[in-house]
C-alpha atoms as a PDB file:
ATOM      1  CA  MET A   1     115.496  96.762  80.500  1.00  0.00           C
ATOM      2  CA  ARG A   2     113.309  98.787  77.744  1.00  0.00           C
ATOM      3  CA  LEU A   3     111.610 101.910  78.851  1.00  0.00           C
ATOM      4  CA  VAL A   4     108.838 103.970  77.453  1.00  0.00           C
ATOM      5  CA  ILE A   5     108.542 107.533  78.720  1.00  0.00           C
ATOM      6  CA  LEU A   6     105.673 109.665  78.340  1.00  0.00           C
ATOM      7  CA  ALA A   7     103.469 112.661  79.804  1.00  0.00           C
ATOM      8  CA  ASP A   8     100.838 115.071  79.119  1.00  0.00           C
ATOM      9  CA  THR A   9      98.507 112.637  77.518  1.00  0.00           C
ATOM     10  CA  HIS A  10      95.374 114.635  78.225  1.00  0.00           C
ATOM     11  CA  LEU A  11      93.063 112.089  77.517  1.00  0.00           C
ATOM     12  CA  PRO A  12      90.220 112.410  76.391  1.00  0.00           C
ATOM     13  CA  LYS A  13      90.644 116.175  76.079  1.00  0.00           C
ATOM     14  CA  ARG A  14      93.229 115.965  73.283  1.00  0.00           C
ATOM     15  CA  ALA A  15      92.667 112.888  71.943  1.00  0.00           C
ATOM     16  CA  ARG A  16      90.374 109.858  72.316  1.00  0.00           C
ATOM     17  CA  ASP A  17      93.388 107.305  72.867  1.00  0.00           C
ATOM     18  CA  LEU A  18      96.967 106.995  72.691  1.00  0.00           C
ATOM     19  CA  PRO A  19      98.377 106.397  69.218  1.00  0.00           C
ATOM     20  CA  ALA A  20      98.713 102.988  67.915  1.00  0.00           C
ATOM     21  CA  PRO A  21     102.606 103.104  67.745  1.00  0.00           C
ATOM     22  CA  LEU A  22     102.820 104.307  71.261  1.00  0.00           C
ATOM     23  CA  TRP A  23     100.558 101.409  72.545  1.00  0.00           C
ATOM     24  CA  SER A  24     102.811  98.969  70.772  1.00  0.00           C
ATOM     25  CA  ALA A  25     105.827 100.418  72.563  1.00  0.00           C
ATOM     26  CA  VAL A  26     104.096 100.256  75.748  1.00  0.00           C
ATOM     27  CA  GLU A  27     103.411  96.528  75.375  1.00  0.00           C
ATOM     28  CA  SER A  28     106.742  95.495  74.453  1.00  0.00           C
ATOM     29  CA  ALA A  29     108.580  97.780  77.267  1.00  0.00           C
ATOM     30  CA  ASP A  30     109.734  96.532  80.551  1.00  0.00           C
ATOM     31  CA  VAL A  31     108.582  99.942  82.332  1.00  0.00           C
ATOM     32  CA  VAL A  32     106.489 102.739  81.370  1.00  0.00           C
ATOM     33  CA  LEU A  33     107.160 106.102  83.014  1.00  0.00           C
ATOM     34  CA  HIS A  34     104.403 108.581  82.982  1.00  0.00           C
ATOM     35  CA  ALA A  35     105.102 112.060  84.101  1.00  0.00           C
ATOM     36  CA  GLY A  36     101.560 113.264  84.711  1.00  0.00           C
ATOM     37  CA  ASP A  37      98.561 115.123  83.154  1.00  0.00           C
ATOM     38  CA  TRP A  38      96.625 111.977  82.543  1.00  0.00           C
ATOM     39  CA  VAL A  39      93.472 114.011  82.956  1.00  0.00           C
ATOM     40  CA  ASP A  40      91.127 110.818  83.279  1.00  0.00           C
ATOM     41  CA  VAL A  41      91.633 107.662  85.288  1.00  0.00           C
ATOM     42  CA  THR A  42      90.667 105.614  82.392  1.00  0.00           C
ATOM     43  CA  LEU A  43      94.074 105.815  80.798  1.00  0.00           C
ATOM     44  CA  LEU A  44      95.716 104.905  84.122  1.00  0.00           C
ATOM     45  CA  ASP A  45      93.690 101.793  84.200  1.00  0.00           C
ATOM     46  CA  ALA A  46      94.534 100.907  80.704  1.00  0.00           C
ATOM     47  CA  LEU A  47      98.396 101.463  81.272  1.00  0.00           C
ATOM     48  CA  GLU A  48      98.179  99.371  84.447  1.00  0.00           C
ATOM     49  CA  ALA A  49      96.614  96.615  82.300  1.00  0.00           C
ATOM     50  CA  ARG A  50      98.876  96.565  79.199  1.00  0.00           C
ATOM     51  CA  ALA A  51     102.181  97.632  80.682  1.00  0.00           C
ATOM     52  CA  ARG A  52     104.621  95.186  82.485  1.00  0.00           C
ATOM     53  CA  ARG A  53     105.466  97.768  85.066  1.00  0.00           C
ATOM     54  CA  LEU A  54     104.162 101.385  85.343  1.00  0.00           C
ATOM     55  CA  VAL A  55     105.659 104.288  87.259  1.00  0.00           C
ATOM     56  CA  GLY A  56     103.564 107.587  87.210  1.00  0.00           C
ATOM     57  CA  VAL A  57     102.975 110.698  88.798  1.00  0.00           C
ATOM     58  CA  TYR A  58     100.018 113.119  88.817  1.00  0.00           C
ATOM     59  CA  GLY A  59     100.069 116.544  87.141  1.00  0.00           C
ATOM     60  CA  ASN A  60      98.581 120.043  87.368  1.00  0.00           C
ATOM     61  CA  ASN A  61      95.519 118.787  85.379  1.00  0.00           C
ATOM     62  CA  ASP A  62      94.711 115.672  87.356  1.00  0.00           C
ATOM     63  CA  GLY A  63      91.745 115.657  89.587  1.00  0.00           C
ATOM     64  CA  PRO A  64      91.213 113.816  93.014  1.00  0.00           C
ATOM     65  CA  ASP A  65      90.706 110.175  91.413  1.00  0.00           C
ATOM     66  CA  LEU A  66      94.202 110.253  89.849  1.00  0.00           C
ATOM     67  CA  ARG A  67      95.662 112.063  92.853  1.00  0.00           C
ATOM     68  CA  ALA A  68      94.406 109.513  95.143  1.00  0.00           C
ATOM     69  CA  ARG A  69      96.270 106.800  93.181  1.00  0.00           C
ATOM     70  CA  LEU A  70      99.469 108.581  92.092  1.00  0.00           C
ATOM     71  CA  PRO A  71     102.231 110.372  94.028  1.00  0.00           C
ATOM     72  CA  GLU A  72     103.538 113.794  93.217  1.00  0.00           C
ATOM     73  CA  VAL A  73     107.025 112.514  92.961  1.00  0.00           C
ATOM     74  CA  ALA A  74     107.947 108.883  92.190  1.00  0.00           C
ATOM     75  CA  ARG A  75     111.473 107.673  93.055  1.00  0.00           C
ATOM     76  CA  VAL A  76     112.414 104.036  91.787  1.00  0.00           C
ATOM     77  CA  GLU A  77     115.746 102.105  90.992  1.00  0.00           C
ATOM     78  CA  LEU A  78     115.521 100.450  87.714  1.00  0.00           C
ATOM     79  CA  ASP A  79     118.546  97.952  87.224  1.00  0.00           C
ATOM     80  CA  GLY A  80     120.895 100.235  89.253  1.00  0.00           C
ATOM     81  CA  LEU A  81     119.539 103.647  87.721  1.00  0.00           C
ATOM     82  CA  ARG A  82     118.167 105.975  90.339  1.00  0.00           C
ATOM     83  CA  VAL A  83     115.164 107.469  88.754  1.00  0.00           C
ATOM     84  CA  ALA A  84     112.642 110.285  89.770  1.00  0.00           C
ATOM     85  CA  VAL A  85     109.586 111.189  88.112  1.00  0.00           C
ATOM     86  CA  VAL A  86     107.803 114.391  88.577  1.00  0.00           C
ATOM     87  CA  HIS A  87     105.443 116.500  86.430  1.00  0.00           C
ATOM     88  CA  GLU A  88     106.639 120.129  87.116  1.00  0.00           C
ATOM     89  CA  THR A  89     110.245 121.490  87.346  1.00  0.00           C
ATOM     90  CA  GLY A  90     109.568 125.154  87.036  1.00  0.00           C
ATOM     91  CA  PRO A  91     110.956 127.660  84.295  1.00  0.00           C
ATOM     92  CA  LYS A  92     113.352 126.592  81.685  1.00  0.00           C
ATOM     93  CA  ALA A  93     116.042 129.130  82.988  1.00  0.00           C
ATOM     94  CA  GLY A  94     117.862 127.466  85.677  1.00  0.00           C
ATOM     95  CA  ARG A  95     116.265 124.076  85.560  1.00  0.00           C
ATOM     96  CA  GLU A  96     119.286 121.861  85.481  1.00  0.00           C
ATOM     97  CA  GLU A  97     120.653 123.423  88.697  1.00  0.00           C
ATOM     98  CA  ARG A  98     117.328 123.638  90.406  1.00  0.00           C
ATOM     99  CA  CYS A  99     116.587 119.898  89.597  1.00  0.00           C
ATOM    100  CA  ALA A 100     120.095 118.858  90.636  1.00  0.00           C
ATOM    101  CA  ALA A 101     119.611 120.645  94.025  1.00  0.00           C
ATOM    102  CA  ARG A 102     116.047 118.871  94.495  1.00  0.00           C
ATOM    103  CA  PHE A 103     117.244 115.582  93.377  1.00  0.00           C
ATOM    104  CA  PRO A 104     120.932 115.141  94.369  1.00  0.00           C
ATOM    105  CA  ASP A 105     120.413 111.301  95.006  1.00  0.00           C
ATOM    106  CA  ARG A 106     119.085 110.650  91.476  1.00  0.00           C
ATOM    107  CA  ASP A 107     120.612 109.600  88.127  1.00  0.00           C
ATOM    108  CA  LEU A 108     117.697 110.373  85.815  1.00  0.00           C
ATOM    109  CA  LEU A 109     114.735 112.897  86.167  1.00  0.00           C
ATOM    110  CA  VAL A 110     111.787 112.399  84.049  1.00  0.00           C
ATOM    111  CA  PHE A 111     109.372 115.370  83.891  1.00  0.00           C
ATOM    112  CA  GLY A 112     106.580 116.736  81.817  1.00  0.00           C
ATOM    113  CA  HIS A 113     104.278 119.950  81.839  1.00  0.00           C
ATOM    114  CA  SER A 114     105.708 121.983  78.980  1.00  0.00           C
ATOM    115  CA  HIS A 115     104.831 119.523  76.039  1.00  0.00           C
ATOM    116  CA  ILE A 116     108.469 120.260  74.795  1.00  0.00           C
ATOM    117  CA  PRO A 117     110.906 117.474  74.482  1.00  0.00           C
ATOM    118  CA  TRP A 118     113.932 118.098  76.546  1.00  0.00           C
ATOM    119  CA  ASP A 119     117.195 116.250  77.152  1.00  0.00           C
ATOM    120  CA  SER A 120     120.043 117.765  79.195  1.00  0.00           C
ATOM    121  CA  VAL A 121     122.571 116.942  81.843  1.00  0.00           C
ATOM    122  CA  ALA A 122     122.769 119.034  85.048  1.00  0.00           C
ATOM    123  CA  PRO A 123     125.783 119.813  87.195  1.00  0.00           C
ATOM    124  CA  GLY A 124     126.467 116.570  88.997  1.00  0.00           C
ATOM    125  CA  GLY A 125     125.465 114.346  86.209  1.00  0.00           C
ATOM    126  CA  LEU A 126     121.738 114.296  86.565  1.00  0.00           C
ATOM    127  CA  ARG A 127     119.974 113.701  83.209  1.00  0.00           C
ATOM    128  CA  LEU A 128     116.792 115.410  82.627  1.00  0.00           C
ATOM    129  CA  LEU A 129     114.187 114.156  79.944  1.00  0.00           C
ATOM    130  CA  ASN A 130     110.852 115.376  78.964  1.00  0.00           C
ATOM    131  CA  PRO A 131     109.104 113.383  76.362  1.00  0.00           C
ATOM    132  CA  GLY A 132     106.897 116.011  74.885  1.00  0.00           C
ATOM    133  CA  SER A 133     103.349 114.849  74.403  1.00  0.00           C
ATOM    134  CA  PRO A 134     101.962 112.188  72.385  1.00  0.00           C
ATOM    135  CA  THR A 135      98.553 113.751  71.923  1.00  0.00           C
ATOM    136  CA  ASP A 136      99.019 117.462  72.347  1.00  0.00           C
ATOM    137  CA  ARG A 137     102.017 118.809  70.435  1.00  0.00           C
ATOM    138  CA  ARG A 138     101.170 122.671  70.950  1.00  0.00           C
ATOM    139  CA  SER A 139     103.775 124.588  69.400  1.00  0.00           C
ATOM    140  CA  GLN A 140     105.978 121.618  68.543  1.00  0.00           C
ATOM    141  CA  PRO A 141     106.075 120.182  64.937  1.00  0.00           C
ATOM    142  CA  TYR A 142     105.180 116.576  66.105  1.00  0.00           C
ATOM    143  CA  ALA A 143     103.427 114.825  68.860  1.00  0.00           C
ATOM    144  CA  THR A 144     106.326 112.709  70.623  1.00  0.00           C
ATOM    145  CA  TYR A 145     107.317 110.180  73.288  1.00  0.00           C
ATOM    146  CA  LEU A 146     110.619 108.775  74.364  1.00  0.00           C
ATOM    147  CA  THR A 147     112.382 105.172  74.559  1.00  0.00           C
ATOM    148  CA  ALA A 148     115.483 104.253  76.224  1.00  0.00           C
ATOM    149  CA  ARG A 149     117.309 101.227  77.617  1.00  0.00           C
ATOM    150  CA  VAL A 150     118.872 100.751  81.054  1.00  0.00           C
ATOM    151  CA  ALA A 151     121.415  98.249  81.961  1.00  0.00           C
ATOM    152  CA  ALA A 152     123.814  97.975  84.912  1.00  0.00           C
ATOM    153  CA  GLY A 153     122.738 101.396  86.101  1.00  0.00           C
ATOM    154  CA  ARG A 154     123.461 103.195  82.961  1.00  0.00           C
ATOM    155  CA  LEU A 155     120.795 104.761  80.666  1.00  0.00           C
ATOM    156  CA  ASP A 156     121.418 104.539  76.912  1.00  0.00           C
ATOM    157  CA  ALA A 157     119.559 104.402  73.390  1.00  0.00           C
ATOM    158  CA  VAL A 158     117.469 107.384  74.407  1.00  0.00           C
ATOM    159  CA  GLU A 159     115.320 108.081  71.456  1.00  0.00           C
ATOM    160  CA  LEU A 160     112.558 110.635  70.718  1.00  0.00           C
ATOM    161  CA  HIS A 161     109.777 109.307  68.567  1.00  0.00           C
ATOM    162  CA  ARG A 162     107.719 111.365  66.307  1.00  0.00           C
ATOM    163  CA  LEU A 163     104.090 110.308  65.867  1.00  0.00           C
ATOM    164  CA  PRO A 164     101.990 110.437  62.778  1.00  0.00           C
ATOM    165  CA  PRO A 165      99.601 113.416  62.619  1.00  0.00           C
ATOM    166  CA  ARG A 166      96.036 112.643  63.811  1.00  0.00           C
ATOM    167  CA  ARG A 167      93.234 112.304  61.319  1.00  0.00           C
ATOM    168  CA  GLY A 168      89.908 113.879  61.802  1.00  0.00           C
END
């Protein structure tokens, strides 16, 4: 099972659309995970139309239209891998311990908010992934998203993708 993991898209505030390489990845993925801060419901509609399966949550910049259609926390099982998706996890300090306590029954936690890629393992084995942002790199050198594979309850081939700089 192929995953695309993204967050903090902030459309149309930070970009008019997702970058073409990300759309290609979305269309070839089995599941797309979006960890919030969509900003406009148009992207949710577009991802629902183009992704085979979409799992998403709302973020702190998402208004009533998105909050009406998305949960604050999503919990799914993907080929035996127990996954949670949430936008915010709090400060960097103590993140692993805090998230392990909040999601003791999960194998993977996908989160956003910081726009900073993150990949760590909490005590007890919970894997934490933040894909950064494909449209608003802030202090990061590149706009980014993640891909990964899931098979028989195991996550592998996690890859951070750097996107080319936007023009204009």
